[in-house]
PDB file of N, CA and C in Angstrom:
ATOM      1  N   PRO A   1     114.426  74.459  76.106  1.00  0.00           N
ATOM      2  CA  PRO A   1     115.981  74.160  75.921  1.00  0.00           C
ATOM      3  C   PRO A   1     116.528  73.388  77.137  1.00  0.00           C
ATOM      4  N   SER A   2     117.650  72.444  76.975  1.00  0.00           N
ATOM      5  CA  SER A   2     118.260  71.753  78.169  1.00  0.00           C
ATOM      6  C   SER A   2     119.605  72.704  78.550  1.00  0.00           C
ATOM      7  N   PRO A   3     119.670  73.036  79.881  1.00  0.00           N
ATOM      8  CA  PRO A   3     120.709  73.773  80.357  1.00  0.00           C
ATOM      9  C   PRO A   3     121.989  73.050  80.495  1.00  0.00           C
ATOM     10  N   THR A   4     122.490  72.332  79.618  1.00  0.00           N
ATOM     11  CA  THR A   4     123.692  71.614  79.566  1.00  0.00           C
ATOM     12  C   THR A   4     124.809  72.631  78.723  1.00  0.00           C
ATOM     13  N   GLY A   5     124.417  73.754  78.303  1.00  0.00           N
ATOM     14  CA  GLY A   5     125.285  74.454  77.575  1.00  0.00           C
ATOM     15  C   GLY A   5     124.361  75.731  77.164  1.00  0.00           C
ATOM     16  N   TYR A   6     125.070  76.469  76.129  1.00  0.00           N
ATOM     17  CA  TYR A   6     124.259  77.642  75.793  1.00  0.00           C
ATOM     18  C   TYR A   6     123.195  77.354  74.792  1.00  0.00           C
ATOM     19  N   LEU A   7     122.284  78.175  74.636  1.00  0.00           N
ATOM     20  CA  LEU A   7     121.234  77.977  73.561  1.00  0.00           C
ATOM     21  C   LEU A   7     121.619  77.795  72.210  1.00  0.00           C
ATOM     22  N   HIS A   8     121.530  76.655  71.632  1.00  0.00           N
ATOM     23  CA  HIS A   8     121.770  76.516  70.189  1.00  0.00           C
ATOM     24  C   HIS A   8     120.823  76.951  69.323  1.00  0.00           C
ATOM     25  N   ILE A   9     121.183  77.525  68.298  1.00  0.00           N
ATOM     26  CA  ILE A   9     120.511  78.133  66.964  1.00  0.00           C
ATOM     27  C   ILE A   9     119.187  77.044  66.646  1.00  0.00           C
ATOM     28  N   GLY A  10     119.397  75.824  66.698  1.00  0.00           N
ATOM     29  CA  GLY A  10     118.288  74.826  66.447  1.00  0.00           C
ATOM     30  C   GLY A  10     117.360  74.975  67.240  1.00  0.00           C
ATOM     31  N   GLY A  11     117.525  75.073  68.683  1.00  0.00           N
ATOM     32  CA  GLY A  11     116.764  75.272  69.834  1.00  0.00           C
ATOM     33  C   GLY A  11     115.961  76.449  69.535  1.00  0.00           C
ATOM     34  N   LEU A  12     116.697  77.572  69.430  1.00  0.00           N
ATOM     35  CA  LEU A  12     115.907  78.921  69.248  1.00  0.00           C
ATOM     36  C   LEU A  12     115.017  78.898  67.827  1.00  0.00           C
ATOM     37  N   ARG A  13     115.270  78.165  67.018  1.00  0.00           N
ATOM     38  CA  ARG A  13     114.452  78.131  65.831  1.00  0.00           C
ATOM     39  C   ARG A  13     113.367  77.557  66.062  1.00  0.00           C
ATOM     40  N   THR A  14     113.323  76.340  66.806  1.00  0.00           N
ATOM     41  CA  THR A  14     112.198  75.454  67.131  1.00  0.00           C
ATOM     42  C   THR A  14     111.360  76.405  68.209  1.00  0.00           C
ATOM     43  N   ALA A  15     111.786  77.193  69.096  1.00  0.00           N
ATOM     44  CA  ALA A  15     111.008  77.982  69.985  1.00  0.00           C
ATOM     45  C   ALA A  15     110.465  79.365  69.034  1.00  0.00           C
ATOM     46  N   LEU A  16     111.246  79.701  67.981  1.00  0.00           N
ATOM     47  CA  LEU A  16     110.481  80.603  67.340  1.00  0.00           C
ATOM     48  C   LEU A  16     109.284  80.250  66.610  1.00  0.00           C
ATOM     49  N   TYR A  17     109.246  78.802  66.141  1.00  0.00           N
ATOM     50  CA  TYR A  17     107.848  78.424  65.596  1.00  0.00           C
ATOM     51  C   TYR A  17     106.654  78.364  66.652  1.00  0.00           C
ATOM     52  N   SER A  18     107.156  78.059  67.682  1.00  0.00           N
ATOM     53  CA  SER A  18     106.140  78.115  68.925  1.00  0.00           C
ATOM     54  C   SER A  18     105.701  79.306  69.186  1.00  0.00           C
ATOM     55  N   TYR A  19     106.715  80.344  69.330  1.00  0.00           N
ATOM     56  CA  TYR A  19     106.342  81.574  69.551  1.00  0.00           C
ATOM     57  C   TYR A  19     105.392  82.259  68.631  1.00  0.00           C
ATOM     58  N   LEU A  20     105.849  82.073  67.304  1.00  0.00           N
ATOM     59  CA  LEU A  20     104.970  82.563  66.289  1.00  0.00           C
ATOM     60  C   LEU A  20     103.406  82.096  66.233  1.00  0.00           C
ATOM     61  N   TRP A  21     103.503  80.518  66.444  1.00  0.00           N
ATOM     62  CA  TRP A  21     102.032  79.927  66.556  1.00  0.00           C
ATOM     63  C   TRP A  21     101.305  80.730  67.621  1.00  0.00           C
ATOM     64  N   ALA A  22     101.922  80.734  68.814  1.00  0.00           N
ATOM     65  CA  ALA A  22     101.177  81.198  69.927  1.00  0.00           C
ATOM     66  C   ALA A  22     100.687  82.830  69.514  1.00  0.00           C
ATOM     67  N   LYS A  23     101.456  83.382  69.166  1.00  0.00           N
ATOM     68  CA  LYS A  23     101.041  84.814  69.039  1.00  0.00           C
ATOM     69  C   LYS A  23      99.937  84.892  67.861  1.00  0.00           C
ATOM     70  N   LYS A  24     100.146  84.130  66.715  1.00  0.00           N
ATOM     71  CA  LYS A  24      99.162  84.055  65.736  1.00  0.00           C
ATOM     72  C   LYS A  24      97.751  83.596  66.178  1.00  0.00           C
ATOM     73  N   THR A  25      97.779  82.594  67.134  1.00  0.00           N
ATOM     74  CA  THR A  25      96.387  82.005  67.497  1.00  0.00           C
ATOM     75  C   THR A  25      96.016  82.596  68.940  1.00  0.00           C
ATOM     76  N   ASN A  26      96.429  83.666  69.464  1.00  0.00           N
ATOM     77  CA  ASN A  26      96.321  84.297  70.580  1.00  0.00           C
ATOM     78  C   ASN A  26      96.558  83.543  71.795  1.00  0.00           C
ATOM     79  N   GLY A  27      97.509  82.761  71.758  1.00  0.00           N
ATOM     80  CA  GLY A  27      97.963  81.635  72.745  1.00  0.00           C
ATOM     81  C   GLY A  27      99.114  82.222  73.874  1.00  0.00           C
ATOM     82  N   GLU A  28      99.717  81.353  74.641  1.00  0.00           N
ATOM     83  CA  GLU A  28     100.806  81.921  75.494  1.00  0.00           C
ATOM     84  C   GLU A  28     102.006  81.031  74.936  1.00  0.00           C
ATOM     85  N   PHE A  29     103.059  81.931  74.902  1.00  0.00           N
ATOM     86  CA  PHE A  29     104.375  81.111  74.693  1.00  0.00           C
ATOM     87  C   PHE A  29     104.857  81.016  76.068  1.00  0.00           C
ATOM     88  N   LYS A  30     105.163  79.700  76.285  1.00  0.00           N
ATOM     89  CA  LYS A  30     105.471  79.123  77.488  1.00  0.00           C
ATOM     90  C   LYS A  30     106.871  78.678  77.365  1.00  0.00           C
ATOM     91  N   LEU A  31     107.833  79.041  78.091  1.00  0.00           N
ATOM     92  CA  LEU A  31     109.306  78.526  78.198  1.00  0.00           C
ATOM     93  C   LEU A  31     109.341  77.480  78.883  1.00  0.00           C
ATOM     94  N   ARG A  32     109.979  76.315  78.815  1.00  0.00           N
ATOM     95  CA  ARG A  32     110.080  74.928  79.442  1.00  0.00           C
ATOM     96  C   ARG A  32     111.725  74.832  79.469  1.00  0.00           C
ATOM     97  N   ILE A  33     112.126  74.565  80.603  1.00  0.00           N
ATOM     98  CA  ILE A  33     113.672  74.278  80.805  1.00  0.00           C
ATOM     99  C   ILE A  33     113.656  72.805  81.045  1.00  0.00           C
ATOM    100  N   GLU A  34     114.310  71.947  80.135  1.00  0.00           N
ATOM    101  CA  GLU A  34     114.571  70.497  80.278  1.00  0.00           C
ATOM    102  C   GLU A  34     115.756  70.424  81.059  1.00  0.00           C
ATOM    103  N   ASP A  35     115.392  70.609  82.485  1.00  0.00           N
ATOM    104  CA  ASP A  35     116.628  70.302  83.439  1.00  0.00           C
ATOM    105  C   ASP A  35     116.773  69.147  84.306  1.00  0.00           C
ATOM    106  N   THR A  36     116.298  68.114  83.494  1.00  0.00           N
ATOM    107  CA  THR A  36     116.145  66.620  84.179  1.00  0.00           C
ATOM    108  C   THR A  36     117.553  65.893  84.470  1.00  0.00           C
ATOM    109  N   ASP A  37     118.541  66.581  83.228  1.00  0.00           N
ATOM    110  CA  ASP A  37     119.894  65.830  83.554  1.00  0.00           C
ATOM    111  C   ASP A  37     120.836  66.743  84.455  1.00  0.00           C
ATOM    112  N   LYS A  38     120.650  66.235  85.714  1.00  0.00           N
ATOM    113  CA  LYS A  38     121.252  66.886  86.814  1.00  0.00           C
ATOM    114  C   LYS A  38     122.650  66.940  86.761  1.00  0.00           C
ATOM    115  N   ALA A  39     123.264  65.938  86.369  1.00  0.00           N
ATOM    116  CA  ALA A  39     124.652  65.529  86.302  1.00  0.00           C
ATOM    117  C   ALA A  39     125.139  66.794  85.244  1.00  0.00           C
ATOM    118  N   ARG A  40     124.444  67.251  84.356  1.00  0.00           N
ATOM    119  CA  ARG A  40     125.185  68.112  83.120  1.00  0.00           C
ATOM    120  C   ARG A  40     124.691  69.594  83.188  1.00  0.00           C
ATOM    121  N   ASN A  41     123.626  69.895  84.236  1.00  0.00           N
ATOM    122  CA  ASN A  41     122.931  70.997  84.352  1.00  0.00           C
ATOM    123  C   ASN A  41     123.610  72.293  85.044  1.00  0.00           C
ATOM    124  N   SER A  42     123.482  73.434  84.383  1.00  0.00           N
ATOM    125  CA  SER A  42     124.419  74.404  84.869  1.00  0.00           C
ATOM    126  C   SER A  42     123.526  75.916  85.240  1.00  0.00           C
ATOM    127  N   ASP A  43     123.540  76.238  86.193  1.00  0.00           N
ATOM    128  CA  ASP A  43     122.780  77.425  86.590  1.00  0.00           C
ATOM    129  C   ASP A  43     122.955  78.586  85.402  1.00  0.00           C
ATOM    130  N   ASP A  44     124.479  78.760  85.391  1.00  0.00           N
ATOM    131  CA  ASP A  44     125.024  79.685  84.270  1.00  0.00           C
ATOM    132  C   ASP A  44     124.217  79.469  82.977  1.00  0.00           C
ATOM    133  N   ALA A  45     124.150  78.139  82.525  1.00  0.00           N
ATOM    134  CA  ALA A  45     123.457  77.977  81.229  1.00  0.00           C
ATOM    135  C   ALA A  45     122.082  78.485  81.217  1.00  0.00           C
ATOM    136  N   VAL A  46     121.379  78.040  82.561  1.00  0.00           N
ATOM    137  CA  VAL A  46     119.799  78.705  82.638  1.00  0.00           C
ATOM    138  C   VAL A  46     119.715  79.977  82.425  1.00  0.00           C
ATOM    139  N   ARG A  47     120.696  80.678  83.205  1.00  0.00           N
ATOM    140  CA  ARG A  47     120.716  82.239  83.124  1.00  0.00           C
ATOM    141  C   ARG A  47     120.943  82.580  81.674  1.00  0.00           C
ATOM    142  N   ALA A  48     121.713  81.828  80.971  1.00  0.00           N
ATOM    143  CA  ALA A  48     122.292  82.364  79.598  1.00  0.00           C
ATOM    144  C   ALA A  48     120.998  82.029  78.562  1.00  0.00           C
ATOM    145  N   ILE A  49     120.264  81.197  78.845  1.00  0.00           N
ATOM    146  CA  ILE A  49     119.210  80.540  77.996  1.00  0.00           C
ATOM    147  C   ILE A  49     118.136  81.902  78.266  1.00  0.00           C
ATOM    148  N   LEU A  50     117.920  82.049  79.515  1.00  0.00           N
ATOM    149  CA  LEU A  50     116.755  82.928  79.764  1.00  0.00           C
ATOM    150  C   LEU A  50     117.127  84.359  78.895  1.00  0.00           C
ATOM    151  N   GLU A  51     118.357  84.762  79.377  1.00  0.00           N
ATOM    152  CA  GLU A  51     118.928  86.023  78.643  1.00  0.00           C
ATOM    153  C   GLU A  51     118.733  85.964  77.197  1.00  0.00           C
ATOM    154  N   SER A  52     118.908  84.782  76.548  1.00  0.00           N
ATOM    155  CA  SER A  52     118.829  84.708  75.148  1.00  0.00           C
ATOM    156  C   SER A  52     117.566  85.006  74.594  1.00  0.00           C
ATOM    157  N   PHE A  53     116.603  84.488  75.209  1.00  0.00           N
ATOM    158  CA  PHE A  53     115.224  84.809  74.982  1.00  0.00           C
ATOM    159  C   PHE A  53     114.733  86.067  75.114  1.00  0.00           C
ATOM    160  N   GLU A  54     115.299  86.631  75.990  1.00  0.00           N
ATOM    161  CA  GLU A  54     114.952  87.964  76.366  1.00  0.00           C
ATOM    162  C   GLU A  54     115.424  88.808  75.136  1.00  0.00           C
ATOM    163  N   TRP A  55     116.752  88.527  74.907  1.00  0.00           N
ATOM    164  CA  TRP A  55     117.309  89.382  73.876  1.00  0.00           C
ATOM    165  C   TRP A  55     116.932  89.460  72.532  1.00  0.00           C
ATOM    166  N   VAL A  56     116.446  88.185  72.092  1.00  0.00           N
ATOM    167  CA  VAL A  56     115.754  87.894  71.022  1.00  0.00           C
ATOM    168  C   VAL A  56     114.271  88.466  70.559  1.00  0.00           C
ATOM    169  N   GLY A  57     113.910  88.884  72.046  1.00  0.00           N
ATOM    170  CA  GLY A  57     112.501  89.323  72.045  1.00  0.00           C
ATOM    171  C   GLY A  57     111.340  88.477  72.153  1.00  0.00           C
ATOM    172  N   MET A  58     111.771  87.267  72.572  1.00  0.00           N
ATOM    173  CA  MET A  58     110.783  86.089  72.932  1.00  0.00           C
ATOM    174  C   MET A  58     110.708  85.820  74.246  1.00  0.00           C
ATOM    175  N   PRO A  59     110.398  86.666  75.182  1.00  0.00           N
ATOM    176  CA  PRO A  59     110.252  86.037  76.504  1.00  0.00           C
ATOM    177  C   PRO A  59     108.967  85.183  76.874  1.00  0.00           C
ATOM    178  N   SER A  60     108.864  84.650  77.690  1.00  0.00           N
ATOM    179  CA  SER A  60     107.917  83.591  78.231  1.00  0.00           C
ATOM    180  C   SER A  60     106.508  84.458  78.637  1.00  0.00           C
ATOM    181  N   ASP A  61     105.341  84.044  78.247  1.00  0.00           N
ATOM    182  CA  ASP A  61     104.221  84.764  78.719  1.00  0.00           C
ATOM    183  C   ASP A  61     103.826  84.468  79.812  1.00  0.00           C
ATOM    184  N   SER A  62     104.451  83.410  80.829  1.00  0.00           N
ATOM    185  CA  SER A  62     103.843  82.940  81.873  1.00  0.00           C
ATOM    186  C   SER A  62     105.165  82.519  82.577  1.00  0.00           C
ATOM    187  N   GLU A  63     104.941  82.102  83.864  1.00  0.00           N
ATOM    188  CA  GLU A  63     106.072  81.374  84.547  1.00  0.00           C
ATOM    189  C   GLU A  63     106.988  80.458  83.619  1.00  0.00           C
ATOM    190  N   ILE A  64     108.285  80.557  84.024  1.00  0.00           N
ATOM    191  CA  ILE A  64     109.137  79.567  83.355  1.00  0.00           C
ATOM    192  C   ILE A  64     108.771  78.329  83.991  1.00  0.00           C
ATOM    193  N   GLN A  65     108.701  77.168  83.195  1.00  0.00           N
ATOM    194  CA  GLN A  65     108.436  75.824  83.621  1.00  0.00           C
ATOM    195  C   GLN A  65     109.591  74.901  83.689  1.00  0.00           C
ATOM    196  N   TYR A  66     109.858  74.594  84.710  1.00  0.00           N
ATOM    197  CA  TYR A  66     111.092  73.382  84.918  1.00  0.00           C
ATOM    198  C   TYR A  66     110.718  72.002  84.825  1.00  0.00           C
ATOM    199  N   GLN A  67     111.244  71.211  84.063  1.00  0.00           N
ATOM    200  CA  GLN A  67     110.702  69.869  84.033  1.00  0.00           C
ATOM    201  C   GLN A  67     110.840  69.283  85.344  1.00  0.00           C
ATOM    202  N   SER A  68     112.043  69.290  85.903  1.00  0.00           N
ATOM    203  CA  SER A  68     112.362  68.787  87.194  1.00  0.00           C
ATOM    204  C   SER A  68     111.541  68.909  88.514  1.00  0.00           C
ATOM    205  N   LYS A  69     110.603  70.008  88.135  1.00  0.00           N
ATOM    206  CA  LYS A  69     109.601  70.096  89.227  1.00  0.00           C
ATOM    207  C   LYS A  69     108.352  69.136  88.779  1.00  0.00           C
ATOM    208  N   ARG A  70     108.337  68.622  87.871  1.00  0.00           N
ATOM    209  CA  ARG A  70     107.307  67.502  87.155  1.00  0.00           C
ATOM    210  C   ARG A  70     107.545  66.195  87.665  1.00  0.00           C
ATOM    211  N   PHE A  71     108.439  65.842  88.316  1.00  0.00           N
ATOM    212  CA  PHE A  71     108.962  64.408  88.671  1.00  0.00           C
ATOM    213  C   PHE A  71     107.825  63.714  89.049  1.00  0.00           C
ATOM    214  N   ASP A  72     107.095  64.144  90.215  1.00  0.00           N
ATOM    215  CA  ASP A  72     106.041  63.624  90.782  1.00  0.00           C
ATOM    216  C   ASP A  72     104.918  63.155  89.854  1.00  0.00           C
ATOM    217  N   ILE A  73     104.503  64.076  88.874  1.00  0.00           N
ATOM    218  CA  ILE A  73     103.740  63.835  87.910  1.00  0.00           C
ATOM    219  C   ILE A  73     103.955  62.816  87.098  1.00  0.00           C
ATOM    220  N   TYR A  74     105.364  62.580  86.654  1.00  0.00           N
ATOM    221  CA  TYR A  74     105.744  61.562  85.776  1.00  0.00           C
ATOM    222  C   TYR A  74     105.885  60.212  86.539  1.00  0.00           C
ATOM    223  N   LYS A  75     106.106  60.359  87.928  1.00  0.00           N
ATOM    224  CA  LYS A  75     106.250  58.963  88.670  1.00  0.00           C
ATOM    225  C   LYS A  75     104.829  58.357  88.707  1.00  0.00           C
ATOM    226  N   LYS A  76     103.965  59.282  88.847  1.00  0.00           N
ATOM    227  CA  LYS A  76     102.348  58.708  88.892  1.00  0.00           C
ATOM    228  C   LYS A  76     102.067  58.068  87.802  1.00  0.00           C
ATOM    229  N   TYR A  77     102.374  58.484  86.331  1.00  0.00           N
ATOM    230  CA  TYR A  77     101.886  57.783  85.235  1.00  0.00           C
ATOM    231  C   TYR A  77     102.881  56.929  84.871  1.00  0.00           C
ATOM    232  N   ILE A  78     104.101  56.660  85.419  1.00  0.00           N
ATOM    233  CA  ILE A  78     105.206  55.699  84.994  1.00  0.00           C
ATOM    234  C   ILE A  78     104.654  54.421  86.151  1.00  0.00           C
ATOM    235  N   ASP A  79     104.298  54.762  87.250  1.00  0.00           N
ATOM    236  CA  ASP A  79     103.776  53.750  88.127  1.00  0.00           C
ATOM    237  C   ASP A  79     102.454  53.059  87.599  1.00  0.00           C
ATOM    238  N   GLN A  80     101.740  53.871  86.979  1.00  0.00           N
ATOM    239  CA  GLN A  80     100.394  53.661  86.554  1.00  0.00           C
ATOM    240  C   GLN A  80     100.694  52.632  85.156  1.00  0.00           C
ATOM    241  N   LEU A  81     101.674  52.861  84.253  1.00  0.00           N
ATOM    242  CA  LEU A  81     101.834  52.042  83.361  1.00  0.00           C
ATOM    243  C   LEU A  81     102.381  50.824  83.500  1.00  0.00           C
ATOM    244  N   LEU A  82     103.390  50.664  84.427  1.00  0.00           N
ATOM    245  CA  LEU A  82     103.838  49.672  84.966  1.00  0.00           C
ATOM    246  C   LEU A  82     102.832  48.591  85.758  1.00  0.00           C
ATOM    247  N   GLU A  83     102.121  49.113  86.490  1.00  0.00           N
ATOM    248  CA  GLU A  83     101.009  48.349  87.221  1.00  0.00           C
ATOM    249  C   GLU A  83      99.825  47.911  86.210  1.00  0.00           C
ATOM    250  N   ASN A  84      99.806  48.305  85.116  1.00  0.00           N
ATOM    251  CA  ASN A  84      98.727  47.970  83.935  1.00  0.00           C
ATOM    252  C   ASN A  84      99.679  47.218  83.084  1.00  0.00           C
ATOM    253  N   GLY A  85     100.991  46.761  83.130  1.00  0.00           N
ATOM    254  CA  GLY A  85     101.743  45.861  82.163  1.00  0.00           C
ATOM    255  C   GLY A  85     101.895  46.625  80.755  1.00  0.00           C
ATOM    256  N   LYS A  86     101.776  48.155  80.901  1.00  0.00           N
ATOM    257  CA  LYS A  86     102.050  48.609  79.478  1.00  0.00           C
ATOM    258  C   LYS A  86     103.468  49.264  79.342  1.00  0.00           C
ATOM    259  N   ALA A  87     104.191  48.907  80.308  1.00  0.00           N
ATOM    260  CA  ALA A  87     105.657  49.327  80.354  1.00  0.00           C
ATOM    261  C   ALA A  87     106.326  48.324  81.178  1.00  0.00           C
ATOM    262  N   TYR A  88     107.724  48.508  81.007  1.00  0.00           N
ATOM    263  CA  TYR A  88     108.620  47.594  81.969  1.00  0.00           C
ATOM    264  C   TYR A  88     109.707  48.304  82.396  1.00  0.00           C
ATOM    265  N   LYS A  89     110.283  47.836  83.566  1.00  0.00           N
ATOM    266  CA  LYS A  89     111.590  48.271  83.661  1.00  0.00           C
ATOM    267  C   LYS A  89     112.809  47.811  83.147  1.00  0.00           C
ATOM    268  N   CYS A  90     113.694  48.461  82.590  1.00  0.00           N
ATOM    269  CA  CYS A  90     115.048  47.902  81.911  1.00  0.00           C
ATOM    270  C   CYS A  90     115.896  47.852  82.870  1.00  0.00           C
ATOM    271  N   TYR A  91     116.751  47.037  83.133  1.00  0.00           N
ATOM    272  CA  TYR A  91     117.767  46.927  83.898  1.00  0.00           C
ATOM    273  C   TYR A  91     119.218  46.675  83.150  1.00  0.00           C
ATOM    274  N   MET A  92     119.363  46.979  81.990  1.00  0.00           N
ATOM    275  CA  MET A  92     120.417  46.723  81.363  1.00  0.00           C
ATOM    276  C   MET A  92     121.202  48.058  81.469  1.00  0.00           C
ATOM    277  N   SER A  93     122.607  47.568  81.404  1.00  0.00           N
ATOM    278  CA  SER A  93     123.624  48.761  81.549  1.00  0.00           C
ATOM    279  C   SER A  93     123.549  49.849  80.293  1.00  0.00           C
ATOM    280  N   LYS A  94     124.216  50.791  80.378  1.00  0.00           N
ATOM    281  CA  LYS A  94     124.414  51.770  79.264  1.00  0.00           C
ATOM    282  C   LYS A  94     125.107  51.082  78.181  1.00  0.00           C
ATOM    283  N   GLU A  95     126.066  50.265  78.647  1.00  0.00           N
ATOM    284  CA  GLU A  95     126.748  49.636  77.582  1.00  0.00           C
ATOM    285  C   GLU A  95     126.124  48.584  76.940  1.00  0.00           C
ATOM    286  N   GLU A  96     125.363  47.895  77.632  1.00  0.00           N
ATOM    287  CA  GLU A  96     124.367  46.662  77.079  1.00  0.00           C
ATOM    288  C   GLU A  96     123.224  47.395  75.998  1.00  0.00           C
ATOM    289  N   LEU A  97     122.922  48.603  76.339  1.00  0.00           N
ATOM    290  CA  LEU A  97     122.001  49.174  75.688  1.00  0.00           C
ATOM    291  C   LEU A  97     122.516  49.853  74.359  1.00  0.00           C
ATOM    292  N   ALA A  98     123.662  50.281  74.498  1.00  0.00           N
ATOM    293  CA  ALA A  98     124.282  50.775  73.198  1.00  0.00           C
ATOM    294  C   ALA A  98     124.532  49.636  72.386  1.00  0.00           C
ATOM    295  N   ASP A  99     125.035  48.546  72.809  1.00  0.00           N
ATOM    296  CA  ASP A  99     125.479  47.253  71.981  1.00  0.00           C
ATOM    297  C   ASP A  99     124.083  46.928  71.303  1.00  0.00           C
ATOM    298  N   GLY A 100     122.931  46.792  72.168  1.00  0.00           N
ATOM    299  CA  GLY A 100     121.662  46.341  71.629  1.00  0.00           C
ATOM    300  C   GLY A 100     121.271  47.345  70.487  1.00  0.00           C
ATOM    301  N   ILE A 101     121.346  48.605  70.508  1.00  0.00           N
ATOM    302  CA  ILE A 101     121.177  49.492  69.401  1.00  0.00           C
ATOM    303  C   ILE A 101     122.030  49.417  68.144  1.00  0.00           C
ATOM    304  N   ARG A 102     123.312  49.327  68.565  1.00  0.00           N
ATOM    305  CA  ARG A 102     124.243  48.919  67.431  1.00  0.00           C
ATOM    306  C   ARG A 102     123.771  47.569  66.787  1.00  0.00           C
ATOM    307  N   MET A 103     123.325  46.629  67.313  1.00  0.00           N
ATOM    308  CA  MET A 103     122.857  45.215  66.577  1.00  0.00           C
ATOM    309  C   MET A 103     121.558  45.684  65.880  1.00  0.00           C
ATOM    310  N   VAL A 104     120.810  46.302  66.353  1.00  0.00           N
ATOM    311  CA  VAL A 104     119.421  46.542  65.501  1.00  0.00           C
ATOM    312  C   VAL A 104     119.813  47.309  64.412  1.00  0.00           C
ATOM    313  N   PHE A 105     120.631  48.504  64.594  1.00  0.00           N
ATOM    314  CA  PHE A 105     121.018  49.082  63.142  1.00  0.00           C
ATOM    315  C   PHE A 105     121.849  48.113  62.310  1.00  0.00           C
ATOM    316  N   LEU A 106     122.821  47.417  62.852  1.00  0.00           N
ATOM    317  CA  LEU A 106     123.539  46.574  61.748  1.00  0.00           C
ATOM    318  C   LEU A 106     122.513  45.462  60.991  1.00  0.00           C
ATOM    319  N   LYS A 107     121.553  44.901  61.942  1.00  0.00           N
ATOM    320  CA  LYS A 107     120.652  44.007  61.274  1.00  0.00           C
ATOM    321  C   LYS A 107     119.687  44.870  60.109  1.00  0.00           C
ATOM    322  N   TRP A 108     119.252  45.876  60.509  1.00  0.00           N
ATOM    323  CA  TRP A 108     118.494  46.679  59.605  1.00  0.00           C
ATOM    324  C   TRP A 108     119.378  46.955  58.230  1.00  0.00           C
ATOM    325  N   LEU A 109     120.700  47.542  58.331  1.00  0.00           N
ATOM    326  CA  LEU A 109     121.560  47.808  57.338  1.00  0.00           C
ATOM    327  C   LEU A 109     121.854  46.436  56.435  1.00  0.00           C
ATOM    328  N   ALA A 110     121.890  45.387  57.022  1.00  0.00           N
ATOM    329  CA  ALA A 110     122.155  44.270  56.197  1.00  0.00           C
ATOM    330  C   ALA A 110     121.058  44.069  55.477  1.00  0.00           C
ATOM    331  N   GLU A 111     119.808  44.275  56.157  1.00  0.00           N
ATOM    332  CA  GLU A 111     118.489  43.656  55.133  1.00  0.00           C
ATOM    333  C   GLU A 111     118.521  44.605  54.294  1.00  0.00           C
ATOM    334  N   GLU A 112     118.627  46.177  54.604  1.00  0.00           N
ATOM    335  CA  GLU A 112     118.751  46.989  53.283  1.00  0.00           C
ATOM    336  C   GLU A 112     119.572  46.698  52.306  1.00  0.00           C
ATOM    337  N   MET A 113     120.770  46.224  52.442  1.00  0.00           N
ATOM    338  CA  MET A 113     121.716  46.011  51.556  1.00  0.00           C
ATOM    339  C   MET A 113     121.407  44.834  50.821  1.00  0.00           C
ATOM    340  N   GLN A 114     120.565  43.841  51.395  1.00  0.00           N
ATOM    341  CA  GLN A 114     120.407  42.401  51.013  1.00  0.00           C
ATOM    342  C   GLN A 114     119.082  42.990  49.640  1.00  0.00           C
ATOM    343  N   VAL A 115     118.078  43.939  50.136  1.00  0.00           N
ATOM    344  CA  VAL A 115     117.358  44.318  49.222  1.00  0.00           C
ATOM    345  C   VAL A 115     117.943  44.963  48.014  1.00  0.00           C
ATOM    346  N   LYS A 116     118.845  45.695  48.188  1.00  0.00           N
ATOM    347  CA  LYS A 116     119.418  46.448  47.231  1.00  0.00           C
ATOM    348  C   LYS A 116     120.128  45.523  46.147  1.00  0.00           C
ATOM    349  N   LEU A 117     121.047  44.383  46.754  1.00  0.00           N
ATOM    350  CA  LEU A 117     121.666  43.534  46.002  1.00  0.00           C
ATOM    351  C   LEU A 117     120.642  42.728  44.980  1.00  0.00           C
ATOM    352  N   ILE A 118     119.554  42.410  45.657  1.00  0.00           N
ATOM    353  CA  ILE A 118     118.488  41.739  44.837  1.00  0.00           C
ATOM    354  C   ILE A 118     118.029  42.512  43.830  1.00  0.00           C
ATOM    355  N   GLU A 119     117.735  43.627  44.038  1.00  0.00           N
ATOM    356  CA  GLU A 119     117.201  44.839  43.045  1.00  0.00           C
ATOM    357  C   GLU A 119     118.231  44.705  41.784  1.00  0.00           C
ATOM    358  N   MET A 120     119.533  44.994  42.242  1.00  0.00           N
ATOM    359  CA  MET A 120     120.549  44.849  41.308  1.00  0.00           C
ATOM    360  C   MET A 120     120.761  43.752  40.594  1.00  0.00           C
ATOM    361  N   ALA A 121     120.696  42.804  41.027  1.00  0.00           N
ATOM    362  CA  ALA A 121     120.634  41.452  40.385  1.00  0.00           C
ATOM    363  C   ALA A 121     119.433  41.251  39.361  1.00  0.00           C
ATOM    364  N   ALA A 122     118.360  41.920  39.665  1.00  0.00           N
ATOM    365  CA  ALA A 122     117.243  41.782  39.027  1.00  0.00           C
ATOM    366  C   ALA A 122     117.556  42.616  37.653  1.00  0.00           C
ATOM    367  N   ASP A 123     118.082  43.770  37.724  1.00  0.00           N
ATOM    368  CA  ASP A 123     118.075  44.781  36.814  1.00  0.00           C
ATOM    369  C   ASP A 123     119.576  45.398  37.085  1.00  0.00           C
ATOM    370  N   PRO A 124     120.641  44.870  36.360  1.00  0.00           N
ATOM    371  CA  PRO A 124     121.871  45.447  36.525  1.00  0.00           C
ATOM    372  C   PRO A 124     122.115  46.891  36.095  1.00  0.00           C
ATOM    373  N   GLU A 125     121.212  47.395  35.240  1.00  0.00           N
ATOM    374  CA  GLU A 125     121.449  48.590  34.520  1.00  0.00           C
ATOM    375  C   GLU A 125     120.759  49.635  35.683  1.00  0.00           C
ATOM    376  N   ALA A 126     119.905  49.268  36.503  1.00  0.00           N
ATOM    377  CA  ALA A 126     119.419  50.181  37.544  1.00  0.00           C
ATOM    378  C   ALA A 126     120.409  50.490  38.696  1.00  0.00           C
ATOM    379  N   GLY A 127     121.475  49.326  38.972  1.00  0.00           N
ATOM    380  CA  GLY A 127     122.075  49.372  40.154  1.00  0.00           C
ATOM    381  C   GLY A 127     123.352  50.515  40.012  1.00  0.00           C
ATOM    382  N   GLY A 128     123.431  51.119  38.973  1.00  0.00           N
ATOM    383  CA  GLY A 128     124.259  52.408  38.859  1.00  0.00           C
ATOM    384  C   GLY A 128     125.547  52.086  38.596  1.00  0.00           C
TER     385      GLY A 128
END
C-alpha cells in the first residue's frame, strides 16, 4: 500500500489474495510499503496501514519492505536500460504529458466512433 492515506478496502482485498496464496503454497506474505511519493507520504499513514494489517490478522511474515530503500537497485537498471537504448528520458512537463494523454484518448475515441458509425450505416437495424 501507499502511505498517502489510510488503507483502502481495495488495497486490503488485493493483499488478502496474496496472503491466501502465500499460505496455500507455504510461502511468505511480505508487506511492501510503496513510499516513493515523498511529497504525500505520512508516517501516521504508515503506522495506520501496519496496524490495519495486524488488526485483520494479516501480519507480514518477514521484515516490512519499503520501496524507497530500493532506489539504488532501480537506478542501476534504469541506467542500464538508458545505456542500451531501451529507454529514454522524458523532458515534458506534467501539463505536456497530460495534454498528450488527452490527445491520445481523443484520437482513440474518434476512431471508435468512426467504426461505430460505419457499422450503423451498413446495418441501420443494429445501431439501436
